[in-house]
Amino acid sequence: MKHTSHPTHYRADLVRIAVTAMQERQLLTEFSAAALRELAAIPGAASEAGATIRDLRSLPWCSIDNDDSLDLDQLTTCEALDQGRLRLRVAIADVDALVKKGSAIDEQARANTATVYTSARIFPMLPERLSTDLTSLNAGVDRMAVVTDMVFSSDGLLQQFTLYRAQVHNQAKLAYDAVAAWLTGDGPLPAAAQQVEGMDWQLRQQDALAQQMRVQRHAKGSLEFETFAPRALFDGEQVVGIEQQVQNRARQLIEEFMIAANGCNARFLAAAGHGSLRRVVRSPERWLRMVEVARQYGEALPPEPDARALEAFLARRHAADPLRFADLSLVIVKLMGSGEYVVEAPGQAAIGHFGLAVRDYTHSTAPNRRYPDLITARLLKAAIAGQPPPYALKELGALAQHCTRQEDAARKVERRMRKSDAALVLEPRVGEVFEAIVTGNSPDGVWVRLLAPPVEGKLVSPTGPAVGTQLRVRLVSTNVERGFIDFVLAAPAHGTA
């Protein structure tokens, strides 16, 4: 492939490559004519009232999401109770109010089962007029929601919960990074929060509760990973860089509250005698391989799967070597195996989610972008109303397998496109030398991750340095179409794990 001193690829190239990657995985890239006809017939956002629907529009709700997120699925608000207790409400967008089971829009959402996010183009599960407008919990508008209402003790333990339908109103659209900077004293209170009386108190209380919940979950063996998922940065149509998304307090806040809500929602369905769609990560089958990985670091894990022991090992490694922790995380995640959807029948023992250290876990908090969450919303609404479930167990079983398969395909498209993004960013830098760390060494080849920019590629080398070795590499070729990046050794290694 010919290289020049200037980029030869633009956003349009990435869009074309993404469309091809979607089609190769049998994922839809456009909405059907029938779905678009249904969409055109929807007059506006859903609005319902009545004895079973609470009016909670006056509460100080806020959303916290990515800077560029437009498909807002959840809002949070809290209030102080006696004895240091805190009442937390999580509102989830009532997508089902406009997207009915069996409709053309529903059938289209069922096909892909998830929004697919690539840097150059998003392939939404629902038409954007719904997911970013009529079913999105946007700031300043009234929306229908399903609310999980939870009460926590002063030390962050869940005491009771209930579910109901409500009208809500997002008072402040906030973003993770700005909220996190304020929480840690590194930035001002975001402007949207300044406009709402008491929102600073809200955020402080929610952060404190989330950190309590986080400590308790880790004490039970919840695993702390660091994912490597860089995203391309654009200036108009040109890709100008790539950055790694960092974990922060605001992301942790939403993560903890969604785990809590998902657990309550799963238990609510079980108590109603309804089957449910659960997200599970079974006890790792390749545990002995994890034991071997730990041994390479001079540590011993027990012979049987033990989440607490694994979490303690990961915490020690993060403290000892934060630079290489993302790579160790990736190894452990791969050995754990991917999650899957299963049906849980009434009265059946829960499989649970090994990585989160929870027994009851359903996906329910992102119905604008995940089909299992829309299925769960319908099950929850039926249980709230005391009606029979809208899905039979056999139908749920088929959907569980389908959603697992399609979500896996969607994640493969996203990973594939991150490789093309990286190749495009590095395309004009062929010949340059970078600091890198060896992240993989197998018969398939040696893999390295650059320290900056955060990019992975293949090391063309007759011998394979050990994983964790830090070295200097020279970029020799890129292939944007296939997402290939090749390096050669530029100098001897000067440090090992």
Foldseek 3Di string as FASTA:
>chain_A
DDFDLDFPDWLVVLVVLLVVLCVVLVADQDADPQQVVLVVPDPFADDDDDDQAAAPAPFAWAFEAAPPDQQAFWIKFWDADPQQKIKIKIWGFQLCSRVPPPGSLLVQLLRLQFWFDAQSDIRFSGPCCCRRPRRGQDAPDKGKTKMWIFMAHNLQHTDDIDIGIYIYHHQAYHYQVQLQCVQVVNHPDDPSQVVDPCSVVGSNVLLVNLVSLVVVQLQLQAADADAFAKHFDDDVTHTAFIAGDDDGSSNSSVVSVQFVSQQVLQVLLLVLQHKAKFKAQAQFPLVVVVQVVLVVVVDGDDPGRDRNSVRVSLVVCCVVCVLCSNLVRVVVDVRSPHIFIAMDGHPRFFRHYSNRSGRGGFPQRRVRTGVSNSLSSQSSVCSSVVHHGPDDNVRSHVSRVSSRSSVVSSVVSRVQSSLLSVLSNCSSVAFDKFKWFWRDDDPVATKIAGPPPGHIAGEPDPDHDDGQFIAMWGWHHGDSSRSHTYIYGPDDTDDGD
